[in-house]
Amino acid sequence: MRKTDNSLHALVEKWLSPSDASPARVACFRHLANHKGCVVCVESAQATRRLSIAFFRHRNGGWYVFPPLAG
């Protein structure tokens, strides 16, 4: 089984495909309440649209596009 790279950098490359013409930038960074992780909003402006995605860091150290479970 192939291990997938779950780093923030790999996910930004996968979802936003940044380039010199349309670089990705961190738009906001926030810690989640009760030390449950953090959220990083990354955006990329392309010729016809602006795309922004929130990435959540979970307690296991992985980054996901969904928030950690409450509790």
N, C-alpha and C. Protein backbone atom coordinates (compact mmCIF):
# COMPACT_ATOMS: atom_id res chain seq x y z
N MET A 1 0.84 -1.17 0.00
CA MET A 1 0.00 0.00 0.00
C MET A 1 0.88 1.24 0.00
N ARG A 2 0.54 2.21 -0.82
CA ARG A 2 1.31 3.42 -0.93
C ARG A 2 0.87 4.42 0.14
N LYS A 3 1.84 4.98 0.85
CA LYS A 3 1.52 5.99 1.86
C LYS A 3 1.29 7.33 1.17
N THR A 4 0.22 8.01 1.54
CA THR A 4 -0.07 9.31 0.95
C THR A 4 0.54 10.41 1.80
N ASP A 5 0.97 11.47 1.16
CA ASP A 5 1.56 12.60 1.86
C ASP A 5 0.43 13.51 2.34
N ASN A 6 0.32 13.69 3.64
CA ASN A 6 -0.75 14.50 4.22
C ASN A 6 -0.22 15.81 4.78
N SER A 7 0.90 16.29 4.22
CA SER A 7 1.43 17.57 4.68
C SER A 7 0.60 18.70 4.08
N LEU A 8 0.64 19.85 4.73
CA LEU A 8 -0.11 21.00 4.22
C LEU A 8 0.40 21.38 2.83
N HIS A 9 1.68 21.34 2.64
CA HIS A 9 2.27 21.67 1.33
C HIS A 9 1.72 20.76 0.24
N ALA A 10 1.69 19.47 0.50
CA ALA A 10 1.20 18.50 -0.50
C ALA A 10 -0.28 18.74 -0.81
N LEU A 11 -1.07 19.06 0.21
CA LEU A 11 -2.50 19.31 -0.01
C LEU A 11 -2.74 20.60 -0.79
N VAL A 12 -1.95 21.64 -0.52
CA VAL A 12 -2.07 22.88 -1.28
C VAL A 12 -1.71 22.62 -2.74
N GLU A 13 -0.65 21.85 -2.99
CA GLU A 13 -0.28 21.50 -4.36
C GLU A 13 -1.41 20.73 -5.04
N LYS A 14 -2.00 19.80 -4.34
CA LYS A 14 -3.05 18.94 -4.90
C LYS A 14 -4.32 19.74 -5.23
N TRP A 15 -4.79 20.54 -4.28
CA TRP A 15 -6.08 21.21 -4.42
C TRP A 15 -6.00 22.53 -5.18
N LEU A 16 -4.91 23.28 -5.03
CA LEU A 16 -4.84 24.62 -5.63
C LEU A 16 -3.91 24.72 -6.83
N SER A 17 -3.01 23.78 -7.01
CA SER A 17 -2.05 23.79 -8.12
C SER A 17 -1.42 25.16 -8.33
N PRO A 18 -0.73 25.69 -7.32
CA PRO A 18 -0.14 27.02 -7.46
C PRO A 18 0.95 27.05 -8.53
N SER A 19 1.15 28.22 -9.11
CA SER A 19 2.19 28.43 -10.12
C SER A 19 2.72 29.85 -9.95
N ASP A 20 3.70 30.21 -10.77
CA ASP A 20 4.23 31.58 -10.72
C ASP A 20 3.15 32.59 -11.08
N ALA A 21 2.28 32.22 -12.02
CA ALA A 21 1.21 33.11 -12.46
C ALA A 21 0.08 33.22 -11.44
N SER A 22 -0.16 32.15 -10.70
CA SER A 22 -1.23 32.16 -9.69
C SER A 22 -0.73 31.48 -8.41
N PRO A 23 0.11 32.18 -7.65
CA PRO A 23 0.65 31.58 -6.42
C PRO A 23 -0.42 31.43 -5.34
N ALA A 24 -0.17 30.52 -4.44
CA ALA A 24 -1.05 30.34 -3.28
C ALA A 24 -0.48 31.14 -2.12
N ARG A 25 -1.37 31.66 -1.28
CA ARG A 25 -0.91 32.40 -0.10
C ARG A 25 -1.80 32.07 1.08
N VAL A 26 -1.23 32.15 2.27
CA VAL A 26 -1.99 31.92 3.49
C VAL A 26 -2.80 33.19 3.76
N ALA A 27 -4.13 33.04 3.76
CA ALA A 27 -5.01 34.18 3.98
C ALA A 27 -5.33 34.37 5.46
N CYS A 28 -5.39 33.27 6.23
CA CYS A 28 -5.61 33.37 7.67
C CYS A 28 -5.13 32.10 8.36
N PHE A 29 -4.85 32.25 9.64
CA PHE A 29 -4.39 31.14 10.48
C PHE A 29 -5.03 31.33 11.84
N ARG A 30 -5.69 30.30 12.35
CA ARG A 30 -6.33 30.38 13.67
C ARG A 30 -6.15 29.07 14.42
N HIS A 31 -5.94 29.19 15.73
CA HIS A 31 -5.96 28.01 16.60
C HIS A 31 -7.41 27.68 16.93
N LEU A 32 -7.74 26.41 16.96
CA LEU A 32 -9.09 26.00 17.33
C LEU A 32 -9.19 25.94 18.85
N ALA A 33 -10.38 26.09 19.36
CA ALA A 33 -10.62 26.09 20.81
C ALA A 33 -10.21 24.76 21.44
N ASN A 34 -9.82 24.80 22.68
CA ASN A 34 -9.47 23.62 23.48
C ASN A 34 -8.33 22.80 22.89
N HIS A 35 -7.40 23.44 22.22
CA HIS A 35 -6.21 22.77 21.67
C HIS A 35 -6.57 21.60 20.75
N LYS A 36 -7.62 21.75 19.96
CA LYS A 36 -8.04 20.68 19.05
C LYS A 36 -7.36 20.77 17.70
N GLY A 37 -6.45 21.69 17.53
CA GLY A 37 -5.76 21.84 16.26
C GLY A 37 -5.78 23.29 15.80
N CYS A 38 -5.67 23.49 14.49
CA CYS A 38 -5.72 24.83 13.94
C CYS A 38 -6.32 24.76 12.54
N VAL A 39 -6.66 25.93 12.03
CA VAL A 39 -7.20 26.04 10.68
C VAL A 39 -6.35 27.07 9.93
N VAL A 40 -6.02 26.72 8.69
CA VAL A 40 -5.26 27.61 7.81
C VAL A 40 -6.07 27.78 6.54
N CYS A 41 -6.40 29.03 6.20
CA CYS A 41 -7.10 29.31 4.95
C CYS A 41 -6.04 29.70 3.91
N VAL A 42 -6.03 28.99 2.80
CA VAL A 42 -5.08 29.24 1.73
C VAL A 42 -5.87 29.65 0.50
N GLU A 43 -5.40 30.69 -0.20
CA GLU A 43 -6.12 31.12 -1.39
C GLU A 43 -5.18 31.28 -2.57
N SER A 44 -5.77 31.17 -3.75
CA SER A 44 -5.05 31.33 -4.99
C SER A 44 -5.94 32.10 -5.96
N ALA A 45 -5.41 33.16 -6.54
CA ALA A 45 -6.17 33.95 -7.52
C ALA A 45 -5.72 33.52 -8.91
N GLN A 46 -6.67 33.04 -9.68
CA GLN A 46 -6.39 32.66 -11.05
C GLN A 46 -7.08 33.66 -11.97
N ALA A 47 -6.87 33.54 -13.26
CA ALA A 47 -7.37 34.53 -14.23
C ALA A 47 -8.87 34.77 -14.11
N THR A 48 -9.65 33.72 -13.90
CA THR A 48 -11.10 33.86 -13.91
C THR A 48 -11.75 33.70 -12.54
N ARG A 49 -10.98 33.33 -11.53
CA ARG A 49 -11.60 33.09 -10.23
C ARG A 49 -10.58 33.16 -9.10
N ARG A 50 -11.10 33.28 -7.90
CA ARG A 50 -10.30 33.20 -6.68
C ARG A 50 -10.78 31.99 -5.91
N LEU A 51 -9.87 31.13 -5.53
CA LEU A 51 -10.21 29.90 -4.81
C LEU A 51 -9.59 29.96 -3.43
N SER A 52 -10.40 29.66 -2.42
CA SER A 52 -9.94 29.66 -1.03
C SER A 52 -10.39 28.36 -0.38
N ILE A 53 -9.47 27.68 0.29
CA ILE A 53 -9.76 26.42 0.96
C ILE A 53 -9.24 26.49 2.39
N ALA A 54 -10.06 25.99 3.32
CA ALA A 54 -9.65 25.90 4.72
C ALA A 54 -9.10 24.50 4.98
N PHE A 55 -7.90 24.44 5.53
CA PHE A 55 -7.27 23.17 5.90
C PHE A 55 -7.20 23.11 7.42
N PHE A 56 -7.61 21.99 7.98
CA PHE A 56 -7.65 21.80 9.43
C PHE A 56 -6.57 20.81 9.86
N ARG A 57 -5.80 21.18 10.88
CA ARG A 57 -4.81 20.27 11.45
C ARG A 57 -5.47 19.52 12.60
N HIS A 58 -5.41 18.20 12.55
CA HIS A 58 -6.01 17.36 13.58
C HIS A 58 -4.96 16.98 14.62
N ARG A 59 -5.43 16.41 15.71
CA ARG A 59 -4.51 16.02 16.80
C ARG A 59 -3.46 15.02 16.36
N ASN A 60 -3.76 14.21 15.33
CA ASN A 60 -2.79 13.22 14.85
C ASN A 60 -1.70 13.85 13.99
N GLY A 61 -1.77 15.17 13.78
CA GLY A 61 -0.75 15.88 13.01
C GLY A 61 -1.08 16.00 11.53
N GLY A 62 -2.13 15.34 11.08
CA GLY A 62 -2.50 15.39 9.67
C GLY A 62 -3.34 16.61 9.34
N TRP A 63 -3.32 16.99 8.08
CA TRP A 63 -4.12 18.12 7.57
C TRP A 63 -5.26 17.58 6.74
N TYR A 64 -6.46 18.15 6.94
CA TYR A 64 -7.66 17.69 6.25
C TYR A 64 -8.52 18.90 5.87
N VAL A 65 -9.47 18.70 4.95
CA VAL A 65 -10.38 19.78 4.56
C VAL A 65 -11.66 19.75 5.37
N PHE A 66 -11.70 18.95 6.42
CA PHE A 66 -12.84 18.90 7.34
C PHE A 66 -12.32 19.10 8.76
N PRO A 67 -13.12 19.73 9.63
CA PRO A 67 -12.66 20.01 10.98
C PRO A 67 -12.60 18.74 11.85
N PRO A 68 -11.79 18.78 12.91
CA PRO A 68 -11.75 17.63 13.82
C PRO A 68 -13.10 17.45 14.54
N LEU A 69 -13.35 16.24 14.96
CA LEU A 69 -14.59 15.95 15.68
C LEU A 69 -14.60 16.67 17.03
N ALA A 70 -15.76 17.10 17.43
CA ALA A 70 -15.90 17.74 18.74
C ALA A 70 -15.82 16.68 19.83
N GLY A 71 -15.25 17.07 20.96
CA GLY A 71 -15.24 16.15 22.09
C GLY A 71 -13.96 15.63 22.49
